[in-house]
Amino acid sequence: MKINTKRKILSNELVLFSTNNINTTGIVTTSLNIANTFNKYHDEVIRDIEHINKEILNSGIVPSLNPFIFEASEYKNEDRTRDKMYVLNFNATHLLMGGYKRPRDFRLKMLYVVRFNAMIKALFDIKQARISSKQIRGTLIDSIRYSVPNMPYKNKYSYIYDMIYANIFGSTAKVLRMLFDCKTNDLLRDYLDNRNLKLLYKVEKHVAVLLEYNEPKMAVSLAIDNLVRLKHIVQ
């Protein structure tokens, strides 16, 4: 599991999305986060995890059916050198925390369960927003194809979307793809969070209508102005 946003690890967020692309996102935590939360040495948590991994291996569980994911990873420590850590899914986290018996640990265990559930809901909301965004994108593509003359389709599509992204996020699609480490064949919107997906949906919806009566730059400008006036965009 790749965690793209290293600052999230270093800021000790309890539970993370394992990747920015919602099509492959897992909800995970790290051994480093667990060590910090439970006030344990990280090496001690690593030893606990590796002991559990051996027990799982000796249990005869078929690897493809193993629900306990402890995946070896690494992070940069304060000296800027790389140290080992593990990325854990919910089942693995629950299994590991089962061995922590101090009175204060019970509250911390509950905190992890609550946070995992909150992230599951957040991921569901993002996927629902992605469905809506995909539908309106098809409408806008049709508007671009038939309402914008005298330009090859690929060029006018990129031209209009660059204007939309620049107005919403302050960067072109190319720059955003680099920032999100977006793979070549992935859609940029798959790397957006729930709020930005909904924002993109609103702008696309307005632009799709306005393109029928205005040239592209004016259509995007009017869409943004309308949404700002309606307080759907905070600038």
Protein backbone atom coordinates (compact mmCIF):
# COMPACT_ATOMS: atom_id res chain seq x y z
CA MET A 1 0.00 0.00 0.00
CA LYS A 2 1.50 3.33 -1.02
CA ILE A 3 0.85 6.38 1.11
CA ASN A 4 1.44 9.35 -1.15
CA THR A 5 1.16 12.14 1.40
CA LYS A 6 4.17 11.69 3.67
CA ARG A 7 3.27 14.77 5.73
CA LYS A 8 0.18 12.87 6.92
CA ILE A 9 2.42 10.22 8.45
CA LEU A 10 4.68 12.77 10.09
CA SER A 11 1.72 14.73 11.49
CA ASN A 12 0.46 11.50 13.10
CA GLU A 13 -3.04 11.38 11.67
CA LEU A 14 -4.52 8.23 13.17
CA VAL A 15 -6.00 6.79 9.98
CA LEU A 16 -5.05 7.55 6.38
CA PHE A 17 -6.06 6.88 2.81
CA SER A 18 -3.31 4.65 1.42
CA THR A 19 -3.39 6.40 -1.96
CA ASN A 20 -4.94 9.50 -3.47
CA ASN A 21 -6.63 7.53 -6.27
CA ILE A 22 -10.08 6.53 -4.99
CA ASN A 23 -10.24 3.51 -7.29
CA THR A 24 -7.41 1.85 -5.36
CA THR A 25 -7.75 3.51 -1.97
CA GLY A 26 -7.32 1.52 1.22
CA ILE A 27 -8.01 2.85 4.70
CA VAL A 28 -4.97 2.20 6.84
CA THR A 29 -2.77 3.33 9.70
CA THR A 30 0.94 2.89 10.34
CA SER A 31 3.10 1.32 13.01
CA LEU A 32 4.55 4.79 13.61
CA ASN A 33 1.12 6.24 14.34
CA ILE A 34 0.33 3.36 16.71
CA ALA A 35 3.63 3.79 18.56
CA ASN A 36 3.01 7.52 19.00
CA THR A 37 -0.62 7.06 20.07
CA PHE A 38 0.06 4.33 22.63
CA ASN A 39 3.30 5.95 23.84
CA LYS A 40 5.43 2.96 22.82
CA TYR A 41 8.84 2.68 21.23
CA HIS A 42 8.45 2.18 17.50
CA ASP A 43 10.91 -0.73 17.59
CA GLU A 44 8.65 -2.40 20.13
CA VAL A 45 5.62 -2.07 17.85
CA ILE A 46 7.66 -3.39 14.92
CA ARG A 47 8.61 -6.47 17.00
CA ASP A 48 4.94 -7.04 17.94
CA ILE A 49 3.90 -6.84 14.29
CA GLU A 50 6.62 -9.21 13.11
CA HIS A 51 5.70 -11.69 15.86
CA ILE A 52 2.03 -11.55 14.77
CA ASN A 53 3.06 -12.00 11.15
CA LYS A 54 4.91 -15.20 12.06
CA GLU A 55 1.85 -16.46 13.93
CA ILE A 56 -0.32 -15.76 10.89
CA LEU A 57 2.17 -17.54 8.64
CA ASN A 58 2.18 -20.58 10.93
CA SER A 59 -1.62 -20.59 11.25
CA GLY A 60 -2.15 -22.01 7.78
CA ILE A 61 -4.32 -19.10 6.57
CA VAL A 62 -4.30 -19.01 2.78
CA PRO A 63 -2.49 -15.75 1.83
CA SER A 64 -5.22 -14.69 -0.58
CA LEU A 65 -7.80 -15.03 2.23
CA ASN A 66 -5.70 -13.34 4.90
CA PRO A 67 -7.68 -10.35 6.26
CA PHE A 68 -4.77 -9.10 8.38
CA ILE A 69 -2.58 -6.84 6.25
CA PHE A 70 0.78 -5.80 7.73
CA GLU A 71 2.68 -4.40 4.76
CA ALA A 72 6.34 -3.42 5.14
CA SER A 73 7.01 0.20 4.17
CA GLU A 74 9.36 3.00 5.17
CA TYR A 75 9.43 6.66 6.16
CA LYS A 76 12.06 9.39 6.50
CA ASN A 77 13.02 10.04 10.11
CA GLU A 78 14.23 13.32 11.62
CA ASP A 79 17.74 12.64 10.28
CA ARG A 80 16.27 12.32 6.75
CA THR A 81 17.29 8.68 6.59
CA ARG A 82 14.81 5.91 5.81
CA ASP A 83 13.46 3.70 8.59
CA LYS A 84 11.18 0.69 8.49
CA MET A 85 7.51 0.94 9.32
CA TYR A 86 4.41 -1.12 8.60
CA VAL A 87 1.12 -0.12 7.00
CA LEU A 88 -1.88 -1.85 8.62
CA ASN A 89 -5.50 -2.27 7.59
CA PHE A 90 -8.34 -2.23 10.14
CA ASN A 91 -8.23 -5.98 10.89
CA ALA A 92 -4.49 -5.92 11.45
CA THR A 93 -4.73 -2.83 13.65
CA HIS A 94 -7.46 -4.43 15.76
CA LEU A 95 -5.39 -7.61 16.12
CA LEU A 96 -2.27 -5.70 17.16
CA MET A 97 -4.11 -3.48 19.66
CA GLY A 98 -5.62 -6.56 21.29
CA GLY A 99 -2.33 -7.06 23.10
CA TYR A 100 -2.34 -3.59 24.64
CA LYS A 101 -3.89 -3.98 28.10
CA ARG A 102 -3.17 -0.80 30.07
CA PRO A 103 -6.29 0.98 31.40
CA ARG A 104 -5.77 4.03 29.14
CA ASP A 105 -5.35 1.82 26.07
CA PHE A 106 -9.07 0.99 25.97
CA ARG A 107 -9.98 4.60 25.14
CA LEU A 108 -7.28 4.76 22.47
CA LYS A 109 -8.56 1.53 20.87
CA MET A 110 -12.04 3.04 20.66
CA LEU A 111 -10.53 6.15 19.07
CA TYR A 112 -9.02 4.04 16.28
CA VAL A 113 -12.30 2.21 15.63
CA VAL A 114 -14.22 5.50 15.46
CA ARG A 115 -11.65 7.01 13.13
CA PHE A 116 -11.60 3.99 10.80
CA ASN A 117 -15.39 4.13 10.54
CA ALA A 118 -15.29 7.87 9.83
CA MET A 119 -12.78 7.31 7.03
CA ILE A 120 -14.91 4.53 5.54
CA LYS A 121 -17.83 6.96 5.41
CA ALA A 122 -15.61 9.66 3.88
CA LEU A 123 -14.46 7.23 1.19
CA PHE A 124 -18.08 6.30 0.43
CA ASP A 125 -18.99 10.01 0.10
CA ILE A 126 -16.07 10.57 -2.27
CA LYS A 127 -17.15 7.65 -4.46
CA GLN A 128 -20.72 8.96 -4.57
CA ALA A 129 -19.44 12.39 -5.58
CA ARG A 130 -17.28 10.69 -8.22
CA ILE A 131 -20.38 9.07 -9.75
CA SER A 132 -22.15 12.45 -10.00
CA SER A 133 -19.02 14.09 -11.39
CA LYS A 134 -18.64 11.41 -14.04
CA GLN A 135 -22.21 11.93 -15.22
CA ILE A 136 -21.90 15.70 -15.62
CA ARG A 137 -18.49 15.29 -17.27
CA GLY A 138 -20.20 13.43 -20.12
CA THR A 139 -22.63 16.33 -20.57
CA LEU A 140 -19.80 18.87 -20.65
CA ILE A 141 -17.82 16.77 -23.14
CA ASP A 142 -20.82 16.84 -25.48
CA SER A 143 -21.10 20.62 -25.07
CA ILE A 144 -17.40 21.03 -25.84
CA ARG A 145 -17.66 18.79 -28.88
CA TYR A 146 -20.62 20.59 -30.46
CA SER A 147 -20.49 24.15 -29.09
CA VAL A 148 -16.82 25.05 -29.52
CA PRO A 149 -15.91 25.40 -33.23
CA ASN A 150 -12.63 25.81 -35.10
CA MET A 151 -10.39 23.78 -32.81
CA PRO A 152 -9.43 20.08 -32.72
CA TYR A 153 -11.46 18.26 -30.05
CA LYS A 154 -8.48 17.26 -27.89
CA ASN A 155 -7.12 20.80 -27.88
CA LYS A 156 -10.41 22.49 -27.01
CA TYR A 157 -11.13 19.89 -24.30
CA SER A 158 -7.72 20.55 -22.67
CA TYR A 159 -8.14 24.31 -23.15
CA ILE A 160 -11.49 24.43 -21.35
CA TYR A 161 -10.52 22.06 -18.55
CA ASP A 162 -7.28 23.94 -17.93
CA MET A 163 -9.36 27.11 -17.47
CA ILE A 164 -11.71 25.28 -15.08
CA TYR A 165 -8.86 23.79 -13.01
CA ALA A 166 -6.98 27.09 -12.96
CA ASN A 167 -10.05 28.93 -11.67
CA ILE A 168 -10.87 26.32 -9.01
CA PHE A 169 -7.45 25.05 -7.93
CA GLY A 170 -5.04 27.67 -9.24
CA SER A 171 -3.14 25.23 -11.49
CA THR A 172 -3.48 23.57 -14.88
CA ALA A 173 -4.30 19.88 -15.23
CA LYS A 174 -0.66 19.08 -16.01
CA VAL A 175 0.59 20.73 -12.81
CA LEU A 176 -2.14 19.08 -10.72
CA ARG A 177 -1.27 15.67 -12.13
CA MET A 178 2.33 16.19 -11.04
CA LEU A 179 1.27 17.38 -7.56
CA PHE A 180 -1.00 14.36 -7.05
CA ASP A 181 1.50 11.92 -8.62
CA CYS A 182 -1.34 11.00 -10.98
CA LYS A 183 -0.55 8.04 -13.21
CA THR A 184 -0.72 8.53 -16.98
CA ASN A 185 -3.92 6.55 -17.56
CA ASP A 186 -5.72 7.75 -14.40
CA LEU A 187 -8.34 10.48 -14.37
CA LEU A 188 -7.31 13.53 -12.39
CA ARG A 189 -10.71 13.69 -10.68
CA ASP A 190 -10.01 10.30 -9.08
CA TYR A 191 -7.39 12.09 -6.97
CA LEU A 192 -9.72 14.83 -5.69
CA ASP A 193 -11.37 14.80 -2.28
CA ASN A 194 -15.12 14.99 -1.71
CA ARG A 195 -15.30 18.78 -1.40
CA ASN A 196 -13.30 19.46 -4.57
CA LEU A 197 -15.22 16.83 -6.54
CA LYS A 198 -18.49 18.54 -5.63
CA LEU A 199 -17.01 21.90 -6.55
CA LEU A 200 -15.80 20.60 -9.90
CA TYR A 201 -19.26 19.10 -10.53
CA LYS A 202 -20.94 22.48 -9.97
CA VAL A 203 -18.55 24.30 -12.30
CA GLU A 204 -18.83 21.66 -15.03
CA LYS A 205 -22.62 21.78 -14.81
CA HIS A 206 -22.69 25.55 -15.27
CA VAL A 207 -20.10 25.58 -18.05
CA ALA A 208 -21.97 22.87 -19.99
CA VAL A 209 -25.03 25.15 -20.20
CA LEU A 210 -23.17 28.41 -20.77
CA LEU A 211 -21.07 27.01 -23.63
CA GLU A 212 -24.18 26.91 -25.80
CA TYR A 213 -24.36 30.74 -25.74
CA ASN A 214 -20.83 31.96 -25.00
CA GLU A 215 -17.27 31.43 -26.11
CA PRO A 216 -15.25 29.14 -23.77
CA LYS A 217 -13.38 31.75 -21.73
CA MET A 218 -16.56 33.71 -21.08
CA ALA A 219 -18.51 30.54 -20.22
CA VAL A 220 -15.97 29.52 -17.57
CA SER A 221 -15.78 33.07 -16.19
CA LEU A 222 -19.57 33.33 -15.92
CA ALA A 223 -19.81 29.92 -14.26
CA ILE A 224 -17.25 30.88 -11.61
CA ASP A 225 -18.88 34.29 -11.06
CA ASN A 226 -22.30 32.70 -10.63
CA LEU A 227 -21.03 30.16 -8.11
CA VAL A 228 -19.12 32.80 -6.15
CA ARG A 229 -22.26 34.93 -6.03
CA LEU A 230 -24.23 31.93 -4.79
CA LYS A 231 -21.44 31.28 -2.22
CA HIS A 232 -20.75 27.81 -3.65
CA ILE A 233 -17.11 28.80 -4.11
CA VAL A 234 -15.13 30.48 -1.36
CA GLN A 235 -12.25 32.52 -2.71
